[in-house]
Protein backbone atom coordinates (compact mmCIF):
# COMPACT_ATOMS: atom_id res chain seq x y z
CA UNK A 1 31.65 135.07 -127.59
CA UNK A 2 30.58 136.96 -130.69
CA UNK A 3 27.75 139.46 -130.84
CA UNK A 4 26.05 140.98 -133.85
CA UNK A 5 23.37 143.44 -134.84
CA UNK A 6 21.50 142.09 -137.83
CA UNK A 7 18.78 143.46 -140.06
CA UNK A 8 16.15 141.03 -141.28
CA UNK A 9 13.89 142.21 -144.09
CA UNK A 10 10.88 140.55 -145.65
CA UNK A 11 7.14 140.30 -146.01
CA UNK A 12 4.90 140.01 -142.95
CA UNK A 13 7.74 139.55 -140.46
CA UNK A 14 6.55 138.91 -136.95
CA UNK A 15 8.75 140.02 -134.07
CA UNK A 16 7.33 137.13 -132.06
CA UNK A 17 8.37 134.62 -134.74
CA UNK A 18 11.92 136.01 -134.79
CA UNK A 19 12.03 136.02 -130.99
CA UNK A 20 10.88 132.40 -130.78
CA UNK A 21 13.38 130.86 -133.24
CA UNK A 22 15.31 128.21 -131.33
CA UNK A 23 19.05 128.73 -131.81
CA UNK A 24 21.37 126.03 -130.50
CA UNK A 25 24.35 128.07 -129.24
CA UNK A 26 23.06 131.62 -129.64
CA UNK A 27 20.44 133.93 -128.17
CA UNK A 28 18.51 136.70 -129.91
CA UNK A 29 16.84 139.87 -128.73
CA UNK A 30 14.55 141.99 -130.90
CA UNK A 31 15.84 145.57 -130.84
CA UNK A 32 13.17 147.15 -133.00
CA UNK A 33 11.46 147.57 -136.36
CA UNK A 34 12.65 149.58 -139.35
CA UNK A 35 10.38 151.78 -141.47
CA UNK A 36 10.66 149.43 -144.46
CA UNK A 37 9.41 146.03 -143.24
CA UNK A 38 12.54 145.07 -141.36
CA UNK A 39 13.50 144.01 -137.85
CA UNK A 40 16.81 144.61 -136.10
CA UNK A 41 18.04 141.84 -133.81
CA UNK A 42 20.93 141.56 -131.38
CA UNK A 43 22.39 138.03 -131.54
CA UNK A 44 24.98 136.67 -129.11
CA UNK A 45 26.67 133.38 -130.02
CA UNK A 46 29.38 131.16 -128.58
CA UNK A 47 31.47 131.17 -131.79
CA UNK A 48 31.51 132.60 -135.31
CA UNK A 49 30.22 129.24 -136.59
CA UNK A 50 27.26 129.43 -134.19
CA UNK A 51 26.50 132.97 -135.41
CA UNK A 52 26.61 131.76 -139.01
CA UNK A 53 24.20 128.96 -138.18
CA UNK A 54 21.85 131.45 -136.51
CA UNK A 55 21.91 133.72 -139.59
CA UNK A 56 21.04 130.75 -141.80
CA UNK A 57 18.13 129.86 -139.50
CA UNK A 58 16.73 133.38 -139.86
CA UNK A 59 17.29 133.39 -143.64
CA UNK A 60 15.19 130.23 -144.01
CA UNK A 61 12.10 131.66 -142.27
CA UNK A 62 9.05 132.17 -144.51
CA UNK A 63 8.87 135.69 -145.90
CA UNK A 64 12.49 136.62 -145.18
CA UNK A 65 14.11 138.26 -148.20
CA UNK A 66 17.34 139.63 -146.71
CA UNK A 67 19.60 139.10 -143.69
CA UNK A 68 22.32 141.73 -143.26
CA UNK A 69 25.03 142.04 -140.63
CA UNK A 70 25.16 145.63 -139.39
CA UNK A 71 27.86 145.24 -136.71
CA UNK A 72 30.03 142.57 -135.08
CA UNK A 73 31.81 142.45 -131.76
CA UNK A 74 34.06 139.61 -130.69
CA UNK A 75 35.60 138.85 -127.33
CA UNK A 76 38.81 136.87 -127.02
CA UNK A 77 39.43 134.61 -124.05
CA UNK A 78 41.62 137.38 -122.59
CA UNK A 79 38.73 139.82 -122.52
CA UNK A 80 39.90 142.09 -125.35
CA UNK A 81 37.17 143.31 -127.65
CA UNK A 82 37.35 144.09 -131.33
CA UNK A 83 34.58 145.81 -133.26
CA UNK A 84 33.70 146.14 -136.91
CA UNK A 85 30.70 147.52 -138.70
CA UNK A 86 29.54 146.94 -142.25
CA UNK A 87 27.05 149.29 -143.84
């Protein structure tokens, strides 16, 4: 399992549109809006590849100009967690 906080910026972004994107092996939750036409999402995926696919899906939406990873958290099969943040 890999989880990420991502920032999506663009023109006329609809939280409902971002919430309704169908991701194969990932789930998204809208966390909130930013002051400058952005939306922060929490995305949980089965694998890093699934997370990458989800980010590409968001990047291809009309009006999206930027998709940034704010934080990542991975879980190994033994339950250990590792965190990293990129700002």
